[in-house]
C-alpha atoms as a PDB file:
ATOM      1  CA  MET A   1     114.886  89.182 107.127  1.00  0.00           C
ATOM      2  CA  LYS A   2     111.571  88.071 107.433  1.00  0.00           C
ATOM      3  CA  TYR A   3     108.568  89.726 106.009  1.00  0.00           C
ATOM      4  CA  MET A   4     104.766  89.924 106.398  1.00  0.00           C
ATOM      5  CA  THR A   5     102.111  90.452 104.446  1.00  0.00           C
ATOM      6  CA  THR A   6      99.262  93.210 105.108  1.00  0.00           C
ATOM      7  CA  LYS A   7      96.986  90.397 105.420  1.00  0.00           C
ATOM      8  CA  GLU A   8      99.085  88.580 108.303  1.00  0.00           C
ATOM      9  CA  THR A   9      99.782  92.225 110.225  1.00  0.00           C
ATOM     10  CA  GLU A  10      95.735  92.502 109.727  1.00  0.00           C
ATOM     11  CA  LYS A  11      94.962  89.348 112.141  1.00  0.00           C
ATOM     12  CA  LYS A  12      98.138  89.693 114.075  1.00  0.00           C
ATOM     13  CA  TRP A  13      97.300  93.257 115.454  1.00  0.00           C
ATOM     14  CA  ASN A  14      93.587  93.329 114.500  1.00  0.00           C
ATOM     15  CA  ILE A  15      93.464  96.632 113.133  1.00  0.00           C
ATOM     16  CA  SER A  16      92.323  97.182 108.882  1.00  0.00           C
ATOM     17  CA  LYS A  17      94.276  96.397 105.936  1.00  0.00           C
ATOM     18  CA  ARG A  18      93.591 100.448 105.321  1.00  0.00           C
ATOM     19  CA  ARG A  19      94.957 101.610 108.507  1.00  0.00           C
ATOM     20  CA  ILE A  20      98.275  99.439 107.428  1.00  0.00           C
ATOM     21  CA  ARG A  21      98.403 100.913 103.896  1.00  0.00           C
ATOM     22  CA  GLN A  22      98.321 104.264 105.101  1.00  0.00           C
ATOM     23  CA  PRO A  23     101.828 104.628 106.309  1.00  0.00           C
ATOM     24  CA  LEU A  24     103.345 102.215 104.209  1.00  0.00           C
ATOM     25  CA  GLN A  25     101.832 104.507 101.220  1.00  0.00           C
ATOM     26  CA  ALA A  26     103.181 107.088 102.638  1.00  0.00           C
ATOM     27  CA  GLY A  27     106.712 105.843 103.091  1.00  0.00           C
ATOM     28  CA  ARG A  28     106.935 105.810 106.863  1.00  0.00           C
ATOM     29  CA  ILE A  29     107.995 102.031 107.456  1.00  0.00           C
ATOM     30  CA  GLU A  30     111.621 101.681 106.557  1.00  0.00           C
ATOM     31  CA  GLU A  31     112.636  98.581 104.406  1.00  0.00           C
ATOM     32  CA  ALA A  32     108.897  97.803 103.432  1.00  0.00           C
ATOM     33  CA  ALA A  33     108.708  97.002  99.552  1.00  0.00           C
ATOM     34  CA  LYS A  34     105.705  96.397  97.315  1.00  0.00           C
ATOM     35  CA  ILE A  35     106.475  93.791  95.184  1.00  0.00           C
ATOM     36  CA  GLU A  36     103.777  94.015  92.023  1.00  0.00           C
ATOM     37  CA  ASN A  37     100.423  94.606  93.959  1.00  0.00           C
ATOM     38  CA  HIS A  38     101.744  93.140  97.316  1.00  0.00           C
ATOM     39  CA  TRP A  39     103.269  94.980 100.415  1.00  0.00           C
ATOM     40  CA  ASN A  40     106.419  93.130 102.285  1.00  0.00           C
ATOM     41  CA  ILE A  41     106.750  94.457 105.774  1.00  0.00           C
ATOM     42  CA  PRO A  42     109.386  93.920 108.174  1.00  0.00           C
ATOM     43  CA  THR A  43     108.643  91.618 111.106  1.00  0.00           C
ATOM     44  CA  TYR A  44     110.459  93.878 113.494  1.00  0.00           C
ATOM     45  CA  THR A  45     108.970  97.228 111.937  1.00  0.00           C
ATOM     46  CA  MET A  46     105.578  97.351 113.747  1.00  0.00           C
ATOM     47  CA  THR A  47     104.890  96.072 116.886  1.00  0.00           C
ATOM     48  CA  LYS A  48     101.724  96.261 119.028  1.00  0.00           C
ATOM     49  CA  GLU A  49     102.248  97.228 122.819  1.00  0.00           C
END
C-alpha cells in the first residue's frame, strides 16, 4: 500500500495542512496511521475531483 504525508497531500490537492489534519485526528480517514509525529495517508483514500 502506498502512503502520502500531509505535506505531499497539501501540495497535491492545494489545501492546508490544518484542513488535512481535521479528519485525520477525528478518525474519519480509514487506514491512516500516525507514526510518531507524522501521518501516513493512503494514496487511494483522498481524491480531489
